[in-house]
Amino acid sequence: MRFHFDPRKSQRLRENPLRGIGFEEAQEIFARPYYQDRRSDLPEQYRAIGWVGHRLYSLIFEVREDKEGEYYHLVTLWKSTREEEKLYAENS
């Protein structure tokens, strides 16, 4: 699985106390069981809810393709809300 993201945005997310991590760490979500749903149709975006370390995070991403094949473009992330934690618990 390949990932793409804006490194400057990743740094801003890491420095934001409401986020606390960057996209580099957030890739861990896909290494464990996670919950996924569609966030929007245009552009087609998905939300993944999963664990990074000992904390549950929500990540918005797009599935894109280039000459090497499919990759995940990471858009934004945040610490999961109580509602998202419940959604994860019920569906994972």
PDB file of N, CA and C in Angstrom:
ATOM      1  N   MET A   1       0.852  -1.173   0.000  1.00  0.00           N
ATOM      2  CA  MET A   1       0.000   0.000   0.000  1.00  0.00           C
ATOM      3  C   MET A   1       0.899   1.238   0.000  1.00  0.00           C
ATOM      4  N   ARG A   2       0.627   2.141  -0.933  1.00  0.00           N
ATOM      5  CA  ARG A   2       1.411   3.381  -1.023  1.00  0.00           C
ATOM      6  C   ARG A   2       0.582   4.554  -0.510  1.00  0.00           C
ATOM      7  N   PHE A   3       1.290   5.543   0.036  1.00  0.00           N
ATOM      8  CA  PHE A   3       0.647   6.735   0.583  1.00  0.00           C
ATOM      9  C   PHE A   3       1.278   7.982  -0.011  1.00  0.00           C
ATOM     10  N   HIS A   4       0.468   9.042  -0.097  1.00  0.00           N
ATOM     11  CA  HIS A   4       0.949  10.344  -0.531  1.00  0.00           C
ATOM     12  C   HIS A   4       0.288  11.385   0.363  1.00  0.00           C
ATOM     13  N   PHE A   5       1.026  12.426   0.711  1.00  0.00           N
ATOM     14  CA  PHE A   5       0.484  13.520   1.514  1.00  0.00           C
ATOM     15  C   PHE A   5       1.410  14.714   1.412  1.00  0.00           C
ATOM     16  N   ASP A   6       0.893  15.850   1.830  1.00  0.00           N
ATOM     17  CA  ASP A   6       1.676  17.090   1.861  1.00  0.00           C
ATOM     18  C   ASP A   6       2.485  17.097   3.157  1.00  0.00           C
ATOM     19  N   PRO A   7       3.826  17.045   3.078  1.00  0.00           N
ATOM     20  CA  PRO A   7       4.646  17.010   4.293  1.00  0.00           C
ATOM     21  C   PRO A   7       4.479  18.252   5.175  1.00  0.00           C
ATOM     22  N   ARG A   8       4.213  19.413   4.562  1.00  0.00           N
ATOM     23  CA  ARG A   8       4.013  20.634   5.365  1.00  0.00           C
ATOM     24  C   ARG A   8       2.718  20.533   6.168  1.00  0.00           C
ATOM     25  N   LYS A   9       1.671  20.002   5.539  1.00  0.00           N
ATOM     26  CA  LYS A   9       0.411  19.817   6.249  1.00  0.00           C
ATOM     27  C   LYS A   9       0.582  18.792   7.372  1.00  0.00           C
ATOM     28  N   SER A  10       1.341  17.747   7.109  1.00  0.00           N
ATOM     29  CA  SER A  10       1.613  16.740   8.132  1.00  0.00           C
ATOM     30  C   SER A  10       2.278  17.374   9.352  1.00  0.00           C
ATOM     31  N   GLN A  11       3.228  18.250   9.119  1.00  0.00           N
ATOM     32  CA  GLN A  11       3.916  18.932  10.219  1.00  0.00           C
ATOM     33  C   GLN A  11       2.955  19.825  10.994  1.00  0.00           C
ATOM     34  N   ARG A  12       2.069  20.541  10.288  1.00  0.00           N
ATOM     35  CA  ARG A  12       1.081  21.391  10.970  1.00  0.00           C
ATOM     36  C   ARG A  12       0.137  20.553  11.824  1.00  0.00           C
ATOM     37  N   LEU A  13      -0.281  19.398  11.315  1.00  0.00           N
ATOM     38  CA  LEU A  13      -1.155  18.506  12.086  1.00  0.00           C
ATOM     39  C   LEU A  13      -0.442  18.017  13.344  1.00  0.00           C
ATOM     40  N   ARG A  14       0.821  17.664  13.204  1.00  0.00           N
ATOM     41  CA  ARG A  14       1.601  17.168  14.339  1.00  0.00           C
ATOM     42  C   ARG A  14       1.735  18.242  15.423  1.00  0.00           C
ATOM     43  N   GLU A  15       1.870  19.488  15.020  1.00  0.00           N
ATOM     44  CA  GLU A  15       2.040  20.582  15.980  1.00  0.00           C
ATOM     45  C   GLU A  15       0.722  21.033  16.599  1.00  0.00           C
ATOM     46  N   ASN A  16      -0.395  20.641  16.025  1.00  0.00           N
ATOM     47  CA  ASN A  16      -1.714  21.030  16.524  1.00  0.00           C
ATOM     48  C   ASN A  16      -2.097  20.115  17.697  1.00  0.00           C
ATOM     49  N   PRO A  17      -2.325  20.667  18.895  1.00  0.00           N
ATOM     50  CA  PRO A  17      -2.643  19.817  20.048  1.00  0.00           C
ATOM     51  C   PRO A  17      -3.942  19.014  19.895  1.00  0.00           C
ATOM     52  N   LEU A  18      -4.840  19.454  19.026  1.00  0.00           N
ATOM     53  CA  LEU A  18      -6.073  18.699  18.801  1.00  0.00           C
ATOM     54  C   LEU A  18      -5.839  17.504  17.873  1.00  0.00           C
ATOM     55  N   ARG A  19      -4.718  17.483  17.164  1.00  0.00           N
ATOM     56  CA  ARG A  19      -4.393  16.381  16.264  1.00  0.00           C
ATOM     57  C   ARG A  19      -3.297  15.510  16.887  1.00  0.00           C
ATOM     58  N   GLY A  20      -2.125  16.109  17.110  1.00  0.00           N
ATOM     59  CA  GLY A  20      -1.060  15.433  17.847  1.00  0.00           C
ATOM     60  C   GLY A  20      -0.160  14.499  17.066  1.00  0.00           C
ATOM     61  N   ILE A  21      -0.518  14.157  15.825  1.00  0.00           N
ATOM     62  CA  ILE A  21       0.329  13.295  15.005  1.00  0.00           C
ATOM     63  C   ILE A  21       0.292  13.801  13.568  1.00  0.00           C
ATOM     64  N   GLY A  22       1.249  13.339  12.787  1.00  0.00           N
ATOM     65  CA  GLY A  22       1.279  13.667  11.365  1.00  0.00           C
ATOM     66  C   GLY A  22       0.845  12.470  10.539  1.00  0.00           C
ATOM     67  N   PHE A  23       0.850  12.646   9.228  1.00  0.00           N
ATOM     68  CA  PHE A  23       0.440  11.573   8.329  1.00  0.00           C
ATOM     69  C   PHE A  23       1.384  10.372   8.388  1.00  0.00           C
ATOM     70  N   GLU A  24       2.652  10.620   8.700  1.00  0.00           N
ATOM     71  CA  GLU A  24       3.603   9.509   8.782  1.00  0.00           C
ATOM     72  C   GLU A  24       3.129   8.492   9.816  1.00  0.00           C
ATOM     73  N   GLU A  25       2.740   8.977  11.010  1.00  0.00           N
ATOM     74  CA  GLU A  25       2.269   8.087  12.067  1.00  0.00           C
ATOM     75  C   GLU A  25       0.886   7.517  11.747  1.00  0.00           C
ATOM     76  N   ALA A  26       0.047   8.323  11.100  1.00  0.00           N
ATOM     77  CA  ALA A  26      -1.338   7.921  10.825  1.00  0.00           C
ATOM     78  C   ALA A  26      -1.428   6.727   9.885  1.00  0.00           C
ATOM     79  N   GLN A  27      -0.401   6.451   9.124  1.00  0.00           N
ATOM     80  CA  GLN A  27      -0.412   5.296   8.231  1.00  0.00           C
ATOM     81  C   GLN A  27      -0.581   3.993   9.015  1.00  0.00           C
ATOM     82  N   GLU A  28      -0.261   4.022  10.301  1.00  0.00           N
ATOM     83  CA  GLU A  28      -0.415   2.856  11.172  1.00  0.00           C
ATOM     84  C   GLU A  28      -1.872   2.382  11.220  1.00  0.00           C
ATOM     85  N   ILE A  29      -2.826   3.273  10.985  1.00  0.00           N
ATOM     86  CA  ILE A  29      -4.241   2.900  10.982  1.00  0.00           C
ATOM     87  C   ILE A  29      -4.481   1.712  10.063  1.00  0.00           C
ATOM     88  N   PHE A  30      -3.819   1.680   8.918  1.00  0.00           N
ATOM     89  CA  PHE A  30      -4.046   0.645   7.927  1.00  0.00           C
ATOM     90  C   PHE A  30      -3.322  -0.661   8.243  1.00  0.00           C
ATOM     91  N   ALA A  31      -2.477  -0.668   9.269  1.00  0.00           N
ATOM     92  CA  ALA A  31      -1.741  -1.869   9.656  1.00  0.00           C
ATOM     93  C   ALA A  31      -2.523  -2.737  10.632  1.00  0.00           C
ATOM     94  N   ARG A  32      -3.608  -2.214  11.180  1.00  0.00           N
ATOM     95  CA  ARG A  32      -4.440  -2.941  12.135  1.00  0.00           C
ATOM     96  C   ARG A  32      -5.875  -2.925  11.624  1.00  0.00           C
ATOM     97  N   PRO A  33      -6.755  -3.689  12.265  1.00  0.00           N
ATOM     98  CA  PRO A  33      -8.172  -3.603  11.857  1.00  0.00           C
ATOM     99  C   PRO A  33      -8.684  -2.166  12.006  1.00  0.00           C
ATOM    100  N   TYR A  34      -9.434  -1.717  11.007  1.00  0.00           N
ATOM    101  CA  TYR A  34      -9.975  -0.367  11.043  1.00  0.00           C
ATOM    102  C   TYR A  34     -11.366  -0.372  10.432  1.00  0.00           C
ATOM    103  N   TYR A  35     -12.119   0.670  10.743  1.00  0.00           N
ATOM    104  CA  TYR A  35     -13.449   0.856  10.180  1.00  0.00           C
ATOM    105  C   TYR A  35     -13.330   1.876   9.054  1.00  0.00           C
ATOM    106  N   GLN A  36     -14.026   1.622   7.944  1.00  0.00           N
ATOM    107  CA  GLN A  36     -13.980   2.548   6.804  1.00  0.00           C
ATOM    108  C   GLN A  36     -15.381   2.805   6.290  1.00  0.00           C
ATOM    109  N   ASP A  37     -15.652   4.063   5.967  1.00  0.00           N
ATOM    110  CA  ASP A  37     -16.897   4.417   5.295  1.00  0.00           C
ATOM    111  C   ASP A  37     -16.618   5.525   4.292  1.00  0.00           C
ATOM    112  N   ARG A  38     -17.598   5.795   3.457  1.00  0.00           N
ATOM    113  CA  ARG A  38     -17.437   6.850   2.453  1.00  0.00           C
ATOM    114  C   ARG A  38     -17.807   8.180   3.081  1.00  0.00           C
ATOM    115  N   ARG A  39     -16.967   9.157   2.895  1.00  0.00           N
ATOM    116  CA  ARG A  39     -17.177  10.480   3.468  1.00  0.00           C
ATOM    117  C   ARG A  39     -17.912  11.396   2.492  1.00  0.00           C
ATOM    118  N   SER A  40     -17.512  11.366   1.212  1.00  0.00           N
ATOM    119  CA  SER A  40     -18.151  12.211   0.210  1.00  0.00           C
ATOM    120  C   SER A  40     -17.976  11.583  -1.170  1.00  0.00           C
ATOM    121  N   ASP A  41     -18.801  12.034  -2.117  1.00  0.00           N
ATOM    122  CA  ASP A  41     -18.739  11.502  -3.472  1.00  0.00           C
ATOM    123  C   ASP A  41     -17.846  12.314  -4.400  1.00  0.00           C
ATOM    124  N   LEU A  42     -17.858  13.622  -4.266  1.00  0.00           N
ATOM    125  CA  LEU A  42     -17.053  14.484  -5.143  1.00  0.00           C
ATOM    126  C   LEU A  42     -16.257  15.476  -4.313  1.00  0.00           C
ATOM    127  N   PRO A  43     -14.984  15.335  -4.145  1.00  0.00           N
ATOM    128  CA  PRO A  43     -14.222  14.182  -4.605  1.00  0.00           C
ATOM    129  C   PRO A  43     -14.559  12.958  -3.758  1.00  0.00           C
ATOM    130  N   GLU A  44     -14.312  11.785  -4.311  1.00  0.00           N
ATOM    131  CA  GLU A  44     -14.591  10.544  -3.603  1.00  0.00           C
ATOM    132  C   GLU A  44     -13.593  10.407  -2.452  1.00  0.00           C
ATOM    133  N   GLN A  45     -14.099  10.554  -1.236  1.00  0.00           N
ATOM    134  CA  GLN A  45     -13.252  10.491  -0.048  1.00  0.00           C
ATOM    135  C   GLN A  45     -13.805   9.470   0.922  1.00  0.00           C
ATOM    136  N   TYR A  46     -12.900   8.884   1.679  1.00  0.00           N
ATOM    137  CA  TYR A  46     -13.249   7.868   2.664  1.00  0.00           C
ATOM    138  C   TYR A  46     -12.729   8.289   4.029  1.00  0.00           C
ATOM    139  N   ARG A  47     -13.385   7.765   5.059  1.00  0.00           N
ATOM    140  CA  ARG A  47     -12.923   7.974   6.431  1.00  0.00           C
ATOM    141  C   ARG A  47     -12.509   6.618   6.976  1.00  0.00           C
ATOM    142  N   ALA A  48     -11.318   6.550   7.535  1.00  0.00           N
ATOM    143  CA  ALA A  48     -10.840   5.357   8.221  1.00  0.00           C
ATOM    144  C   ALA A  48     -10.707   5.707   9.698  1.00  0.00           C
ATOM    145  N   ILE A  49     -11.245   4.851  10.554  1.00  0.00           N
ATOM    146  CA  ILE A  49     -11.121   5.030  12.000  1.00  0.00           C
ATOM    147  C   ILE A  49     -10.311   3.854  12.514  1.00  0.00           C
ATOM    148  N   GLY A  50      -9.190   4.157  13.163  1.00  0.00           N
ATOM    149  CA  GLY A  50      -8.339   3.080  13.653  1.00  0.00           C
ATOM    150  C   GLY A  50      -7.311   3.573  14.648  1.00  0.00           C
ATOM    151  N   TRP A  51      -6.522   2.635  15.113  1.00  0.00           N
ATOM    152  CA  TRP A  51      -5.556   2.892  16.181  1.00  0.00           C
ATOM    153  C   TRP A  51      -4.212   3.366  15.654  1.00  0.00           C
ATOM    154  N   VAL A  52      -3.690   4.375  16.332  1.00  0.00           N
ATOM    155  CA  VAL A  52      -2.305   4.811  16.176  1.00  0.00           C
ATOM    156  C   VAL A  52      -1.763   4.829  17.592  1.00  0.00           C
ATOM    157  N   GLY A  53      -0.867   3.901  17.884  1.00  0.00           N
ATOM    158  CA  GLY A  53      -0.417   3.752  19.265  1.00  0.00           C
ATOM    159  C   GLY A  53      -1.584   3.308  20.127  1.00  0.00           C
ATOM    160  N   HIS A  54      -1.844   4.061  21.197  1.00  0.00           N
ATOM    161  CA  HIS A  54      -2.929   3.722  22.117  1.00  0.00           C
ATOM    162  C   HIS A  54      -4.125   4.650  21.979  1.00  0.00           C
ATOM    163  N   ARG A  55      -4.238   5.322  20.847  1.00  0.00           N
ATOM    164  CA  ARG A  55      -5.308   6.300  20.644  1.00  0.00           C
ATOM    165  C   ARG A  55      -6.018   6.028  19.320  1.00  0.00           C
ATOM    166  N   LEU A  56      -7.333   6.237  19.324  1.00  0.00           N
ATOM    167  CA  LEU A  56      -8.137   6.056  18.120  1.00  0.00           C
ATOM    168  C   LEU A  56      -8.177   7.366  17.333  1.00  0.00           C
ATOM    169  N   TYR A  57      -7.887   7.285  16.031  1.00  0.00           N
ATOM    170  CA  TYR A  57      -7.880   8.448  15.147  1.00  0.00           C
ATOM    171  C   TYR A  57      -8.811   8.228  13.972  1.00  0.00           C
ATOM    172  N   SER A  58      -9.266   9.335  13.397  1.00  0.00           N
ATOM    173  CA  SER A  58     -10.055   9.329  12.172  1.00  0.00           C
ATOM    174  C   SER A  58      -9.238  10.024  11.093  1.00  0.00           C
ATOM    175  N   LEU A  59      -9.224   9.418   9.922  1.00  0.00           N
ATOM    176  CA  LEU A  59      -8.389   9.885   8.821  1.00  0.00           C
ATOM    177  C   LEU A  59      -9.232   9.957   7.554  1.00  0.00           C
ATOM    178  N   ILE A  60      -9.170  11.078   6.857  1.00  0.00           N
ATOM    179  CA  ILE A  60      -9.840  11.222   5.565  1.00  0.00           C
ATOM    180  C   ILE A  60      -8.793  10.988   4.476  1.00  0.00           C
ATOM    181  N   PHE A  61      -9.162  10.139   3.494  1.00  0.00           N
ATOM    182  CA  PHE A  61      -8.238   9.852   2.400  1.00  0.00           C
ATOM    183  C   PHE A  61      -9.000   9.649   1.094  1.00  0.00           C
ATOM    184  N   GLU A  62      -8.264   9.770   0.008  1.00  0.00           N
ATOM    185  CA  GLU A  62      -8.777   9.529  -1.336  1.00  0.00           C
ATOM    186  C   GLU A  62      -7.959   8.409  -1.962  1.00  0.00           C
ATOM    187  N   VAL A  63      -8.604   7.560  -2.741  1.00  0.00           N
ATOM    188  CA  VAL A  63      -7.899   6.527  -3.489  1.00  0.00           C
ATOM    189  C   VAL A  63      -7.609   7.110  -4.864  1.00  0.00           C
ATOM    190  N   ARG A  64      -6.334   7.194  -5.193  1.00  0.00           N
ATOM    191  CA  ARG A  64      -5.910   7.762  -6.474  1.00  0.00           C
ATOM    192  C   ARG A  64      -5.059   6.736  -7.219  1.00  0.00           C
ATOM    193  N   GLU A  65      -4.759   7.069  -8.462  1.00  0.00           N
ATOM    194  CA  GLU A  65      -3.959   6.159  -9.268  1.00  0.00           C
ATOM    195  C   GLU A  65      -2.972   6.951 -10.105  1.00  0.00           C
ATOM    196  N   ASP A  66      -1.781   6.398 -10.258  1.00  0.00           N
ATOM    197  CA  ASP A  66      -0.771   6.961 -11.143  1.00  0.00           C
ATOM    198  C   ASP A  66      -0.180   5.825 -11.967  1.00  0.00           C
ATOM    199  N   LYS A  67       0.920   6.086 -12.646  1.00  0.00           N
ATOM    200  CA  LYS A  67       1.503   5.066 -13.524  1.00  0.00           C
ATOM    201  C   LYS A  67       1.981   3.827 -12.768  1.00  0.00           C
ATOM    202  N   GLU A  68       2.237   3.965 -11.467  1.00  0.00           N
ATOM    203  CA  GLU A  68       2.679   2.826 -10.651  1.00  0.00           C
ATOM    204  C   GLU A  68       1.498   2.062 -10.043  1.00  0.00           C
ATOM    205  N   GLY A  69       0.295   2.606 -10.165  1.00  0.00           N
ATOM    206  CA  GLY A  69      -0.885   1.937  -9.616  1.00  0.00           C
ATOM    207  C   GLY A  69      -1.597   2.787  -8.584  1.00  0.00           C
ATOM    208  N   GLU A  70      -2.360   2.123  -7.757  1.00  0.00           N
ATOM    209  CA  GLU A  70      -3.219   2.789  -6.776  1.00  0.00           C
ATOM    210  C   GLU A  70      -2.418   3.228  -5.548  1.00  0.00           C
ATOM    211  N   TYR A  71      -2.809   4.372  -4.989  1.00  0.00           N
ATOM    212  CA  TYR A  71      -2.217   4.855  -3.741  1.00  0.00           C
ATOM    213  C   TYR A  71      -3.264   5.628  -2.953  1.00  0.00           C
ATOM    214  N   TYR A  72      -3.007   5.806  -1.661  1.00  0.00           N
ATOM    215  CA  TYR A  72      -3.901   6.566  -0.786  1.00  0.00           C
ATOM    216  C   TYR A  72      -3.334   7.959  -0.588  1.00  0.00           C
ATOM    217  N   HIS A  73      -4.126   8.961  -0.953  1.00  0.00           N
ATOM    218  CA  HIS A  73      -3.755  10.349  -0.706  1.00  0.00           C
ATOM    219  C   HIS A  73      -4.406  10.758   0.614  1.00  0.00           C
ATOM    220  N   LEU A  74      -3.596  11.062   1.628  1.00  0.00           N
ATOM    221  CA  LEU A  74      -4.090  11.395   2.963  1.00  0.00           C
ATOM    222  C   LEU A  74      -4.438  12.877   3.006  1.00  0.00           C
ATOM    223  N   VAL A  75      -5.673  13.189   3.424  1.00  0.00           N
ATOM    224  CA  VAL A  75      -6.197  14.549   3.355  1.00  0.00           C
ATOM    225  C   VAL A  75      -6.122  15.250   4.703  1.00  0.00           C
ATOM    226  N   THR A  76      -6.678  14.640   5.743  1.00  0.00           N
ATOM    227  CA  THR A  76      -6.653  15.234   7.081  1.00  0.00           C
ATOM    228  C   THR A  76      -6.924  14.157   8.116  1.00  0.00           C
ATOM    229  N   LEU A  77      -6.699  14.477   9.373  1.00  0.00           N
ATOM    230  CA  LEU A  77      -6.933  13.529  10.454  1.00  0.00           C
ATOM    231  C   LEU A  77      -7.219  14.270  11.745  1.00  0.00           C
ATOM    232  N   TRP A  78      -7.786  13.537  12.715  1.00  0.00           N
ATOM    233  CA  TRP A  78      -8.080  14.085  14.028  1.00  0.00           C
ATOM    234  C   TRP A  78      -8.253  12.944  15.009  1.00  0.00           C
ATOM    235  N   LYS A  79      -8.186  13.273  16.306  1.00  0.00           N
ATOM    236  CA  LYS A  79      -8.492  12.285  17.337  1.00  0.00           C
ATOM    237  C   LYS A  79      -9.976  11.981  17.228  1.00  0.00           C
ATOM    238  N   SER A  80     -10.318  10.700  17.216  1.00  0.00           N
ATOM    239  CA  SER A  80     -11.707  10.300  17.017  1.00  0.00           C
ATOM    240  C   SER A  80     -12.614  10.854  18.104  1.00  0.00           C
ATOM    241  N   THR A  81     -13.821  11.212  17.702  1.00  0.00           N
ATOM    242  CA  THR A  81     -14.835  11.695  18.634  1.00  0.00           C
ATOM    243  C   THR A  81     -15.464  10.497  19.350  1.00  0.00           C
ATOM    244  N   ARG A  82     -16.258  10.748  20.355  1.00  0.00           N
ATOM    245  CA  ARG A  82     -16.963   9.660  21.057  1.00  0.00           C
ATOM    246  C   ARG A  82     -17.871   8.897  20.100  1.00  0.00           C
ATOM    247  N   GLU A  83     -18.525   9.630  19.210  1.00  0.00           N
ATOM    248  CA  GLU A  83     -19.397   8.988  18.222  1.00  0.00           C
ATOM    249  C   GLU A  83     -18.593   8.066  17.301  1.00  0.00           C
ATOM    250  N   GLU A  84     -17.425   8.523  16.889  1.00  0.00           N
ATOM    251  CA  GLU A  84     -16.575   7.692  16.028  1.00  0.00           C
ATOM    252  C   GLU A  84     -16.011   6.492  16.788  1.00  0.00           C
ATOM    253  N   GLU A  85     -15.692   6.675  18.064  1.00  0.00           N
ATOM    254  CA  GLU A  85     -15.234   5.562  18.881  1.00  0.00           C
ATOM    255  C   GLU A  85     -16.329   4.491  18.973  1.00  0.00           C
ATOM    256  N   LYS A  86     -17.565   4.924  19.144  1.00  0.00           N
ATOM    257  CA  LYS A  86     -18.695   3.999  19.204  1.00  0.00           C
ATOM    258  C   LYS A  86     -18.868   3.288  17.858  1.00  0.00           C
ATOM    259  N   LEU A  87     -18.781   4.019  16.771  1.00  0.00           N
ATOM    260  CA  LEU A  87     -18.888   3.453  15.439  1.00  0.00           C
ATOM    261  C   LEU A  87     -17.822   2.387  15.210  1.00  0.00           C
ATOM    262  N   TYR A  88     -16.599   2.672  15.630  1.00  0.00           N
ATOM    263  CA  TYR A  88     -15.501   1.718  15.504  1.00  0.00           C
ATOM    264  C   TYR A  88     -15.791   0.459  16.334  1.00  0.00           C
ATOM    265  N   ALA A  89     -16.215   0.653  17.575  1.00  0.00           N
ATOM    266  CA  ALA A  89     -16.483  -0.483  18.468  1.00  0.00           C
ATOM    267  C   ALA A  89     -17.600  -1.378  17.926  1.00  0.00           C
ATOM    268  N   GLU A  90     -18.598  -0.790  17.324  1.00  0.00           N
ATOM    269  CA  GLU A  90     -19.733  -1.552  16.818  1.00  0.00           C
ATOM    270  C   GLU A  90     -19.428  -2.281  15.514  1.00  0.00           C
ATOM    271  N   ASN A  91     -18.431  -1.815  14.755  1.00  0.00           N
ATOM    272  CA  ASN A  91     -18.203  -2.348  13.421  1.00  0.00           C
ATOM    273  C   ASN A  91     -16.833  -2.994  13.197  1.00  0.00           C
ATOM    274  N   SER A  92     -16.022  -3.075  14.200  1.00  0.00           N
ATOM    275  CA  SER A  92     -14.687  -3.657  14.005  1.00  0.00           C
ATOM    276  C   SER A  92     -14.522  -4.930  14.785  1.00  0.00           C
TER     277      SER A  92
END
